[in-house]
C-alpha atoms as a PDB file:
ATOM      1  CA  LEU A   1      46.807  89.353  41.949  1.00  0.00           C
ATOM      2  CA  LEU A   2      46.698  85.757  43.174  1.00  0.00           C
ATOM      3  CA  GLY A   3      43.070  84.887  42.614  1.00  0.00           C
ATOM      4  CA  VAL A   4      39.530  86.087  42.164  1.00  0.00           C
ATOM      5  CA  ALA A   5      36.089  84.876  43.149  1.00  0.00           C
ATOM      6  CA  LEU A   6      32.613  85.877  42.088  1.00  0.00           C
ATOM      7  CA  ILE A   7      29.872  85.409  44.696  1.00  0.00           C
ATOM      8  CA  CYS A   8      26.122  85.562  44.096  1.00  0.00           C
ATOM      9  CA  ARG A   9      23.636  86.232  46.898  1.00  0.00           C
ATOM     10  CA  GLU A  10      20.631  83.918  46.679  1.00  0.00           C
ATOM     11  CA  GLY A  11      17.647  82.841  48.722  1.00  0.00           C
ATOM     12  CA  GLU A  12      15.311  84.451  51.240  1.00  0.00           C
ATOM     13  CA  LEU A  13      12.572  84.083  48.673  1.00  0.00           C
ATOM     14  CA  GLU A  14       9.055  85.350  49.171  1.00  0.00           C
ATOM     15  CA  PRO A  15       6.831  82.395  50.149  1.00  0.00           C
ATOM     16  CA  GLU A  16       4.676  82.782  47.022  1.00  0.00           C
ATOM     17  CA  LEU A  17       7.710  82.704  44.705  1.00  0.00           C
ATOM     18  CA  ALA A  18       9.185  79.726  46.578  1.00  0.00           C
ATOM     19  CA  ALA A  19       5.879  77.855  46.178  1.00  0.00           C
ATOM     20  CA  GLN A  20       5.823  78.616  42.452  1.00  0.00           C
ATOM     21  CA  ILE A  21       9.384  77.348  42.043  1.00  0.00           C
ATOM     22  CA  HIS A  22       8.622  74.272  44.149  1.00  0.00           C
ATOM     23  CA  SER A  23       5.633  73.441  41.924  1.00  0.00           C
ATOM     24  CA  GLY A  24       7.643  73.980  38.735  1.00  0.00           C
ATOM     25  CA  HIS A  25       5.834  77.122  37.578  1.00  0.00           C
ATOM     26  CA  ARG A  26       8.708  79.624  37.952  1.00  0.00           C
ATOM     27  CA  ARG A  27      12.441  79.616  37.246  1.00  0.00           C
ATOM     28  CA  PRO A  28      13.846  83.010  38.268  1.00  0.00           C
ATOM     29  CA  ARG A  29      17.360  83.951  37.245  1.00  0.00           C
ATOM     30  CA  GLY A  30      20.035  84.281  39.909  1.00  0.00           C
ATOM     31  CA  GLN A  31      18.563  81.731  42.322  1.00  0.00           C
ATOM     32  CA  LEU A  32      20.346  78.527  41.283  1.00  0.00           C
ATOM     33  CA  LEU A  33      20.845  76.975  44.732  1.00  0.00           C
ATOM     34  CA  PRO A  34      17.379  77.524  46.235  1.00  0.00           C
ATOM     35  CA  GLN A  35      15.722  76.841  42.884  1.00  0.00           C
ATOM     36  CA  THR A  36      17.510  73.509  42.511  1.00  0.00           C
ATOM     37  CA  LEU A  37      16.674  72.488  46.067  1.00  0.00           C
ATOM     38  CA  LEU A  38      13.036  73.545  45.682  1.00  0.00           C
ATOM     39  CA  ALA A  39      12.244  72.261  42.188  1.00  0.00           C
ATOM     40  CA  HIS A  40      14.561  69.288  41.711  1.00  0.00           C
ATOM     41  CA  CYS A  41      14.983  68.033  45.262  1.00  0.00           C
ATOM     42  CA  GLY A  42      11.536  68.955  46.555  1.00  0.00           C
ATOM     43  CA  TYR A  43      12.715  70.756  49.702  1.00  0.00           C
ATOM     44  CA  ALA A  44       9.874  73.219  50.312  1.00  0.00           C
ATOM     45  CA  GLU A  45      11.807  75.107  53.017  1.00  0.00           C
ATOM     46  CA  ALA A  46      14.889  75.704  50.823  1.00  0.00           C
ATOM     47  CA  GLY A  47      13.699  79.132  49.707  1.00  0.00           C
ATOM     48  CA  THR A  48      13.785  80.579  53.217  1.00  0.00           C
ATOM     49  CA  TYR A  49      17.571  80.272  53.653  1.00  0.00           C
ATOM     50  CA  ARG A  50      20.290  82.746  52.594  1.00  0.00           C
ATOM     51  CA  TYR A  51      22.921  81.354  50.224  1.00  0.00           C
ATOM     52  CA  ALA A  52      26.284  82.715  49.107  1.00  0.00           C
ATOM     53  CA  ARG A  53      26.983  80.903  45.835  1.00  0.00           C
ATOM     54  CA  ILE A  54      30.537  80.802  44.570  1.00  0.00           C
ATOM     55  CA  MET A  55      29.921  81.331  40.860  1.00  0.00           C
ATOM     56  CA  ARG A  56      33.563  81.406  39.824  1.00  0.00           C
ATOM     57  CA  ILE A  57      36.886  81.009  41.533  1.00  0.00           C
ATOM     58  CA  ALA A  58      40.247  81.271  39.800  1.00  0.00           C
ATOM     59  CA  ILE A  59      43.799  81.221  41.077  1.00  0.00           C
ATOM     60  CA  HIS A  60      46.762  82.498  39.071  1.00  0.00           C
ATOM     61  CA  PRO A  61      48.273  79.502  37.199  1.00  0.00           C
ATOM     62  CA  ALA A  62      51.674  80.011  38.856  1.00  0.00           C
ATOM     63  CA  ARG A  63      50.023  79.723  42.286  1.00  0.00           C
ATOM     64  CA  GLN A  64      47.667  76.805  41.668  1.00  0.00           C
ATOM     65  CA  ARG A  65      48.072  73.750  43.901  1.00  0.00           C
ATOM     66  CA  SER A  66      49.804  75.827  46.567  1.00  0.00           C
ATOM     67  CA  GLY A  67      46.848  76.273  48.931  1.00  0.00           C
ATOM     68  CA  TRP A  68      45.633  79.668  47.694  1.00  0.00           C
ATOM     69  CA  GLY A  69      42.303  78.296  46.427  1.00  0.00           C
ATOM     70  CA  ARG A  70      41.678  76.566  49.754  1.00  0.00           C
ATOM     71  CA  HIS A  71      42.597  79.746  51.604  1.00  0.00           C
ATOM     72  CA  MET A  72      40.276  81.799  49.410  1.00  0.00           C
ATOM     73  CA  VAL A  73      37.336  79.457  49.995  1.00  0.00           C
ATOM     74  CA  GLN A  74      38.013  79.540  53.752  1.00  0.00           C
ATOM     75  CA  GLN A  75      38.027  83.340  53.691  1.00  0.00           C
ATOM     76  CA  LEU A  76      34.830  83.415  51.626  1.00  0.00           C
ATOM     77  CA  SER A  77      33.187  81.033  54.098  1.00  0.00           C
ATOM     78  CA  GLN A  78      34.198  83.234  57.034  1.00  0.00           C
ATOM     79  CA  TRP A  79      32.924  86.357  55.272  1.00  0.00           C
ATOM     80  CA  ALA A  80      29.602  84.689  54.381  1.00  0.00           C
ATOM     81  CA  SER A  81      29.194  83.505  57.966  1.00  0.00           C
ATOM     82  CA  THR A  82      29.719  87.035  59.344  1.00  0.00           C
ATOM     83  CA  GLN A  83      27.123  88.251  56.818  1.00  0.00           C
ATOM     84  CA  HIS A  84      24.665  85.723  58.301  1.00  0.00           C
ATOM     85  CA  PHE A  85      24.317  83.529  55.237  1.00  0.00           C
ATOM     86  CA  SER A  86      22.923  80.116  56.114  1.00  0.00           C
ATOM     87  CA  PHE A  87      25.008  78.312  53.486  1.00  0.00           C
ATOM     88  CA  ILE A  88      27.863  78.834  51.104  1.00  0.00           C
ATOM     89  CA  GLY A  89      27.611  76.690  48.013  1.00  0.00           C
ATOM     90  CA  ALA A  90      28.736  75.996  44.488  1.00  0.00           C
ATOM     91  CA  ALA A  91      27.539  74.352  41.302  1.00  0.00           C
ATOM     92  CA  LEU A  92      30.393  72.595  39.558  1.00  0.00           C
ATOM     93  CA  ALA A  93      31.383  69.844  37.184  1.00  0.00           C
ATOM     94  CA  ALA A  94      31.304  66.571  39.110  1.00  0.00           C
ATOM     95  CA  THR A  95      34.731  65.110  38.432  1.00  0.00           C
ATOM     96  CA  PRO A  96      37.045  62.989  40.590  1.00  0.00           C
ATOM     97  CA  GLU A  97      39.671  65.726  40.240  1.00  0.00           C
ATOM     98  CA  LEU A  98      37.470  68.626  41.380  1.00  0.00           C
ATOM     99  CA  LEU A  99      35.205  67.137  44.050  1.00  0.00           C
ATOM    100  CA  PRO A 100      37.920  66.438  46.685  1.00  0.00           C
ATOM    101  CA  PHE A 101      38.877  70.135  46.788  1.00  0.00           C
ATOM    102  CA  TRP A 102      35.369  71.031  47.936  1.00  0.00           C
ATOM    103  CA  ARG A 103      34.766  67.990  50.168  1.00  0.00           C
ATOM    104  CA  GLU A 104      38.008  68.651  52.094  1.00  0.00           C
ATOM    105  CA  GLN A 105      36.577  72.013  53.094  1.00  0.00           C
ATOM    106  CA  GLY A 106      33.300  70.626  54.414  1.00  0.00           C
ATOM    107  CA  PHE A 107      31.094  71.066  51.361  1.00  0.00           C
ATOM    108  CA  LEU A 108      28.470  68.342  51.034  1.00  0.00           C
ATOM    109  CA  PRO A 109      26.970  67.137  47.765  1.00  0.00           C
ATOM    110  CA  VAL A 110      23.201  67.598  47.838  1.00  0.00           C
ATOM    111  CA  ARG A 111      22.352  67.062  44.157  1.00  0.00           C
ATOM    112  CA  LEU A 112      23.844  65.614  41.012  1.00  0.00           C
ATOM    113  CA  GLY A 113      22.361  66.510  37.643  1.00  0.00           C
ATOM    114  CA  LEU A 114      20.623  63.648  35.867  1.00  0.00           C
ATOM    115  CA  SER A 115      22.024  64.501  32.446  1.00  0.00           C
ATOM    116  CA  ARG A 116      25.474  65.497  31.286  1.00  0.00           C
ATOM    117  CA  ASP A 117      26.253  69.098  30.461  1.00  0.00           C
ATOM    118  CA  HIS A 118      26.583  69.566  26.708  1.00  0.00           C
ATOM    119  CA  ALA A 119      29.713  71.719  27.001  1.00  0.00           C
ATOM    120  CA  SER A 120      31.700  69.831  29.647  1.00  0.00           C
ATOM    121  CA  GLY A 121      30.331  66.317  29.173  1.00  0.00           C
ATOM    122  CA  THR A 122      30.011  65.949  32.953  1.00  0.00           C
ATOM    123  CA  HIS A 123      27.144  65.927  35.390  1.00  0.00           C
ATOM    124  CA  SER A 124      26.829  69.067  37.485  1.00  0.00           C
ATOM    125  CA  ALA A 125      26.912  68.850  41.253  1.00  0.00           C
ATOM    126  CA  ILE A 126      25.457  71.164  43.869  1.00  0.00           C
ATOM    127  CA  LEU A 127      27.521  71.340  47.052  1.00  0.00           C
ATOM    128  CA  LEU A 128      26.693  73.219  50.236  1.00  0.00           C
ATOM    129  CA  LYS A 129      28.435  74.045  53.475  1.00  0.00           C
ATOM    130  CA  ALA A 130      26.323  75.125  56.459  1.00  0.00           C
ATOM    131  CA  LEU A 131      27.530  78.353  58.039  1.00  0.00           C
ATOM    132  CA  GLN A 132      25.029  78.765  60.872  1.00  0.00           C
ATOM    133  CA  PRO A 133      24.143  76.252  63.602  1.00  0.00           C
ATOM    134  CA  GLU A 134      20.489  76.110  62.506  1.00  0.00           C
ATOM    135  CA  ALA A 135      21.582  75.184  58.966  1.00  0.00           C
ATOM    136  CA  GLN A 136      23.783  72.243  60.050  1.00  0.00           C
ATOM    137  CA  ALA A 137      20.925  69.788  60.479  1.00  0.00           C
ATOM    138  CA  ARG A 138      19.381  70.850  57.177  1.00  0.00           C
ATOM    139  CA  ALA A 139      22.677  70.366  55.293  1.00  0.00           C
ATOM    140  CA  SER A 140      23.050  66.884  56.790  1.00  0.00           C
ATOM    141  CA  GLU A 141      19.440  66.038  55.924  1.00  0.00           C
ATOM    142  CA  TRP A 142      19.837  67.180  52.318  1.00  0.00           C
ATOM    143  CA  HIS A 143      23.158  65.367  51.936  1.00  0.00           C
ATOM    144  CA  ASN A 144      21.723  62.161  53.417  1.00  0.00           C
ATOM    145  CA  GLY A 145      18.751  62.407  51.041  1.00  0.00           C
ATOM    146  CA  PHE A 146      21.164  62.659  48.128  1.00  0.00           C
ATOM    147  CA  VAL A 147      23.239  59.697  49.360  1.00  0.00           C
ATOM    148  CA  GLN A 148      20.089  57.596  49.763  1.00  0.00           C
ATOM    149  CA  SER A 149      18.923  58.454  46.225  1.00  0.00           C
ATOM    150  CA  LEU A 150      22.273  57.681  44.603  1.00  0.00           C
ATOM    151  CA  PRO A 151      21.789  53.886  44.346  1.00  0.00           C
ATOM    152  CA  HIS A 152      18.385  54.418  42.715  1.00  0.00           C
ATOM    153  CA  TYR A 153      19.835  56.514  39.880  1.00  0.00           C
ATOM    154  CA  LEU A 154      23.169  54.678  39.415  1.00  0.00           C
ATOM    155  CA  PRO A 155      21.814  51.918  37.134  1.00  0.00           C
ATOM    156  CA  ARG A 156      20.195  54.407  34.742  1.00  0.00           C
ATOM    157  CA  GLN A 157      21.112  58.084  34.686  1.00  0.00           C
ATOM    158  CA  TRP A 158      24.476  57.751  36.419  1.00  0.00           C
ATOM    159  CA  ARG A 159      25.660  54.364  35.150  1.00  0.00           C
ATOM    160  CA  MET A 160      28.713  55.929  33.468  1.00  0.00           C
ATOM    161  CA  LEU A 161      29.953  57.768  36.564  1.00  0.00           C
ATOM    162  CA  PRO A 162      33.555  56.915  37.416  1.00  0.00           C
ATOM    163  CA  THR A 163      33.766  54.626  40.452  1.00  0.00           C
ATOM    164  CA  GLU A 164      36.146  57.077  42.104  1.00  0.00           C
ATOM    165  CA  LEU A 165      33.547  59.847  41.797  1.00  0.00           C
ATOM    166  CA  VAL A 166      30.789  57.679  43.286  1.00  0.00           C
ATOM    167  CA  SER A 167      33.098  56.856  46.199  1.00  0.00           C
ATOM    168  CA  GLN A 168      33.828  60.561  46.757  1.00  0.00           C
ATOM    169  CA  LEU A 169      30.128  61.427  46.652  1.00  0.00           C
ATOM    170  CA  LEU A 170      29.352  58.728  49.225  1.00  0.00           C
ATOM    171  CA  SER A 171      32.287  59.387  51.559  1.00  0.00           C
ATOM    172  CA  PRO A 172      31.172  59.896  55.162  1.00  0.00           C
ATOM    173  CA  THR A 173      30.620  63.456  56.277  1.00  0.00           C
ATOM    174  CA  ASP A 174      32.516  62.933  59.515  1.00  0.00           C
ATOM    175  CA  GLN A 175      35.736  62.669  57.498  1.00  0.00           C
ATOM    176  CA  GLN A 176      35.203  66.154  56.061  1.00  0.00           C
ATOM    177  CA  ALA A 177      36.663  69.288  57.567  1.00  0.00           C
ATOM    178  CA  SER A 178      34.306  71.777  59.175  1.00  0.00           C
END
C-alpha cells in the first residue's frame, strides 16, 4: 500500500437548497465546496456544479516526496473527469510548504478563511481545478475574484500571512500545470 485518498461527492444542489445556503439560512453537511462558494464567496451558481472533494490524501512515509502524491492526484483528477465532475477540489491548511504541491497540478485558490483554525493555527484554503471545458472560465473567474480581494483583507484578517504564502496565492495561473 503506497497511499490512500478519500473523495467526497458534492454539488448539484437543488435550486431551493442552493438559495438557502447562499442567503445564509442553511449549512448542510457534506457540501463544503459549494457551500463555501455560495455562502462565503457569494457565487449563486456554485451549487449547480459537481465537485469531487479530496477530503484526505496520505502517502506511505517511506514513499513521500517521490512523486506518488502527485501521481495519485493526477489519477484522481482523471477519474473525476471521466465521471463528469465539473471540478476537483480540496480544503487544506494554507502553508507555504503545502500550497505549491496543489498549485503545480493546476489547482487554483478561490478562498482563504478569514480566521485561523484553532487546531492547526493556519488559515484554511479552498482550491479547485476545473475538469470540464465549461468549468474553466468559472474557475478562472473565481480565482481572479479571490486574487482581487486579497489586498483588501491583507491589512486586517491576513496581516500575519507569510510573504511566501501571499506570493504563492498570487502567482499567475498561466505558470500552473493543467
